[in-house]
Amino acid sequence: MTIVLNIPGLGGSGPTHWQSHWETLYPECRRVEQCNWNIPDKTEWLNALDAAVRACNEPPTLVAHSMGCALVAHWASRHKFTPIAAAIMVAPADVDDRDTLPAEIISFGPMPLGMLPFPTLVVASSNDHYVQLNRAKLFAAAWGADFVNIGAAGHINADSHLDTWDFGWNLVQELQDAVENEKTALQA
């Protein structure tokens, strides 16, 4: 069973957020805890993510939401050789857009645009007020990620009323299966 590390963004993921539901439903889901969800310190958040990844006995799958996507991109740019099974970047907040984002996350810009060293999927919505669809596509292309547009789902958070977001969990399972199949094929 591959560990799934949930990486919330600003404010954490509250009790009605799909990440919180997943942590209740699926024993392999763990949250990367931060010391202050409302006033993020990039260095502290990077250290917490690094500690959570290193605490896993095998390469985990990362599931980041919003500003958590920028966190993963920054972390990956510094830890290219730390094993990660895969990552799903959901509704990656555009940390370069000073007009729409809260001031608390300005330190997470600029968004790292280097190729991510693990299989990645970017999931975006056509009406997310924190990232324009064309920017989410740009992030996916820069990161070497596949891209899924789920239509008009807002910021893909609790306000989107996704409940357990079964579609998202299926994407996690499909990505993990693809990674495992590729690993098996390489060993054959």
Protein backbone atom coordinates (compact mmCIF):
# COMPACT_ATOMS: atom_id res chain seq x y z
CA MET A 1 0.00 0.00 0.00
CA THR A 2 1.58 3.27 -1.14
CA ILE A 3 1.33 6.10 1.37
CA VAL A 4 -0.60 9.14 0.12
CA LEU A 5 0.63 12.39 1.62
CA ASN A 6 -2.04 15.09 1.50
CA ILE A 7 -0.51 18.56 1.25
CA PRO A 8 -3.13 21.26 1.89
CA GLY A 9 -2.67 24.91 1.04
CA LEU A 10 -3.32 28.11 2.98
CA GLY A 11 -5.70 27.53 5.88
CA GLY A 12 -5.30 23.75 5.75
CA SER A 13 -8.13 21.59 4.52
CA GLY A 14 -11.11 21.84 6.84
CA PRO A 15 -13.42 18.99 7.86
CA THR A 16 -15.58 19.16 4.70
CA HIS A 17 -12.64 19.25 2.28
CA TRP A 18 -12.07 16.12 0.19
CA GLN A 19 -8.52 15.78 1.61
CA SER A 20 -9.98 15.50 5.12
CA HIS A 21 -12.54 12.96 3.92
CA TRP A 22 -9.80 10.89 2.31
CA GLU A 23 -7.83 10.85 5.56
CA THR A 24 -10.90 9.39 7.28
CA LEU A 25 -11.76 6.91 4.53
CA TYR A 26 -8.37 5.63 3.43
CA PRO A 27 -5.79 4.41 5.96
CA GLU A 28 -2.93 5.11 3.53
CA CYS A 29 -3.70 8.86 3.57
CA ARG A 30 -1.68 11.07 5.89
CA ARG A 31 -1.65 14.84 6.19
CA VAL A 32 1.54 16.85 6.05
CA GLU A 33 0.99 19.00 9.14
CA GLN A 34 2.17 22.59 9.29
CA CYS A 35 2.76 24.64 12.44
CA ASN A 36 0.64 27.55 11.18
CA TRP A 37 -1.90 27.00 8.40
CA ASN A 38 -2.86 30.69 8.20
CA ILE A 39 0.53 32.41 8.20
CA PRO A 40 2.73 30.13 6.11
CA ASP A 41 6.48 30.32 6.43
CA LYS A 42 7.98 28.80 3.29
CA THR A 43 11.06 27.41 5.04
CA GLU A 44 9.02 25.81 7.83
CA TRP A 45 6.54 24.38 5.34
CA LEU A 46 9.35 22.96 3.19
CA ASN A 47 10.93 21.37 6.27
CA ALA A 48 7.60 19.82 7.32
CA LEU A 49 7.07 18.35 3.85
CA ASP A 50 10.62 17.01 3.79
CA ALA A 51 10.19 15.39 7.22
CA ALA A 52 6.89 13.79 6.16
CA VAL A 53 8.41 12.37 2.97
CA ARG A 54 11.45 11.02 4.81
CA ALA A 55 9.21 9.39 7.44
CA CYS A 56 7.69 7.15 4.76
CA ASN A 57 9.12 3.63 4.44
CA GLU A 58 8.62 3.68 0.67
CA PRO A 59 8.20 6.43 -1.93
CA PRO A 60 4.86 8.15 -1.27
CA THR A 61 2.32 9.64 -3.64
CA LEU A 62 1.90 13.37 -3.03
CA VAL A 63 -1.54 14.95 -3.35
CA ALA A 64 -1.19 18.71 -3.15
CA HIS A 65 -3.97 21.28 -3.23
CA SER A 66 -3.76 24.99 -4.07
CA MET A 67 -0.67 26.57 -2.49
CA GLY A 68 0.45 23.06 -1.56
CA CYS A 69 1.25 22.61 -5.27
CA ALA A 70 3.74 25.49 -5.14
CA LEU A 71 5.19 23.95 -1.99
CA VAL A 72 5.73 20.62 -3.77
CA ALA A 73 7.30 22.36 -6.77
CA HIS A 74 9.70 24.29 -4.51
CA TRP A 75 10.51 21.14 -2.52
CA ALA A 76 11.14 19.08 -5.68
CA SER A 77 13.50 21.74 -7.04
CA ARG A 78 15.65 21.23 -3.92
CA HIS A 79 15.27 17.44 -3.48
CA LYS A 80 15.55 15.93 -6.95
CA PHE A 81 16.89 12.62 -5.67
CA THR A 82 14.37 11.93 -2.90
CA PRO A 83 12.14 9.11 -4.09
CA ILE A 84 8.51 10.04 -4.78
CA ALA A 85 6.15 7.55 -6.44
CA ALA A 86 4.01 10.24 -8.10
CA ALA A 87 2.21 13.50 -7.47
CA ILE A 88 -1.19 14.97 -8.18
CA MET A 89 -1.31 18.75 -8.15
CA VAL A 90 -4.91 19.89 -7.68
CA ALA A 91 -5.95 23.49 -8.39
CA PRO A 92 -2.40 24.87 -8.29
CA ALA A 93 -2.75 28.42 -6.97
CA ASP A 94 -0.96 30.88 -9.23
CA VAL A 95 1.51 32.26 -6.67
CA ASP A 96 2.75 34.73 -9.29
CA ASP A 97 -0.62 36.50 -9.57
CA ARG A 98 -0.34 39.29 -6.99
CA ASP A 99 -3.86 40.55 -7.83
CA THR A 100 -5.85 37.52 -6.74
CA LEU A 101 -3.83 35.78 -4.05
CA PRO A 102 -3.69 36.58 -0.35
CA ALA A 103 -0.57 38.45 0.72
CA GLU A 104 0.37 35.56 3.05
CA ILE A 105 1.50 33.41 0.14
CA ILE A 106 3.55 35.89 -1.87
CA SER A 107 6.74 34.30 -0.50
CA PHE A 108 5.82 31.09 -2.37
CA GLY A 109 6.38 32.83 -5.71
CA PRO A 110 7.73 32.68 -8.22
CA MET A 111 6.27 29.32 -9.15
CA PRO A 112 9.09 26.85 -9.92
CA LEU A 113 8.72 25.77 -13.55
CA GLY A 114 11.32 23.03 -13.79
CA MET A 115 10.53 19.48 -14.79
CA LEU A 116 9.38 17.46 -11.77
CA PRO A 117 11.46 14.31 -11.23
CA PHE A 118 8.43 12.04 -10.71
CA PRO A 119 5.23 11.24 -12.63
CA THR A 120 2.80 14.09 -12.12
CA LEU A 121 -0.81 14.93 -12.94
CA VAL A 122 -2.23 18.46 -12.76
CA VAL A 123 -5.97 18.70 -12.12
CA ALA A 124 -7.64 22.05 -12.76
CA SER A 125 -11.04 23.66 -13.05
CA SER A 126 -12.27 25.99 -15.77
CA ASN A 127 -13.54 28.57 -13.25
CA ASP A 128 -10.93 28.59 -10.48
CA HIS A 129 -10.45 32.15 -9.22
CA TYR A 130 -6.93 31.32 -7.95
CA VAL A 131 -5.54 30.04 -11.26
CA GLN A 132 -6.56 30.64 -14.84
CA LEU A 133 -6.90 27.46 -16.88
CA ASN A 134 -4.14 28.53 -19.28
CA ARG A 135 -1.74 29.04 -16.32
CA ALA A 136 -2.59 25.59 -14.91
CA LYS A 137 -1.83 24.13 -18.35
CA LEU A 138 1.46 26.06 -18.43
CA PHE A 139 2.40 24.62 -15.02
CA ALA A 140 1.57 21.11 -16.24
CA ALA A 141 3.69 21.53 -19.37
CA ALA A 142 6.64 22.97 -17.43
CA TRP A 143 6.48 20.21 -14.82
CA GLY A 144 6.22 17.46 -17.48
CA ALA A 145 2.79 16.55 -16.11
CA ASP A 146 -0.36 15.20 -17.65
CA PHE A 147 -3.33 17.55 -17.40
CA VAL A 148 -6.99 17.04 -16.55
CA ASN A 149 -9.64 19.78 -16.75
CA ILE A 150 -12.61 18.72 -14.59
CA GLY A 151 -14.85 21.53 -15.83
CA ALA A 152 -16.47 24.22 -13.69
CA ALA A 153 -15.56 23.12 -10.15
CA GLY A 154 -14.25 26.34 -8.65
CA HIS A 155 -11.09 25.95 -6.59
CA ILE A 156 -11.72 22.20 -6.17
CA ASN A 157 -12.08 22.67 -2.43
CA ALA A 158 -14.81 22.37 0.22
CA ASP A 159 -16.72 25.27 -1.40
CA SER A 160 -16.94 23.12 -4.53
CA HIS A 161 -19.10 20.60 -2.59
CA LEU A 162 -17.16 17.59 -3.84
CA ASP A 163 -17.69 15.61 -0.61
CA THR A 164 -15.34 12.59 -0.84
CA TRP A 165 -14.42 13.51 -4.45
CA ASP A 166 -14.40 9.93 -5.70
CA PHE A 167 -13.24 11.09 -9.13
CA GLY A 168 -10.10 12.54 -7.54
CA TRP A 169 -9.42 9.37 -5.58
CA ASN A 170 -9.81 7.38 -8.80
CA LEU A 171 -7.18 9.62 -10.41
CA VAL A 172 -4.82 8.80 -7.52
CA GLN A 173 -5.41 5.08 -7.98
CA GLU A 174 -4.97 5.28 -11.78
CA LEU A 175 -1.71 7.18 -11.44
CA GLN A 176 -0.37 4.75 -8.84
CA ASP A 177 -1.37 1.79 -11.05
CA ALA A 178 0.38 3.34 -14.07
CA VAL A 179 3.55 3.90 -12.03
CA GLU A 180 3.46 0.34 -10.73
CA ASN A 181 2.85 -1.10 -14.22
CA GLU A 182 5.80 0.90 -15.60
CA LYS A 183 8.01 -0.32 -12.76
CA THR A 184 6.99 -3.92 -13.42
CA ALA A 185 7.62 -3.56 -17.14
CA LEU A 186 11.11 -2.18 -16.50
CA GLN A 187 11.92 -5.13 -14.24
CA ALA A 188 10.78 -7.70 -16.80
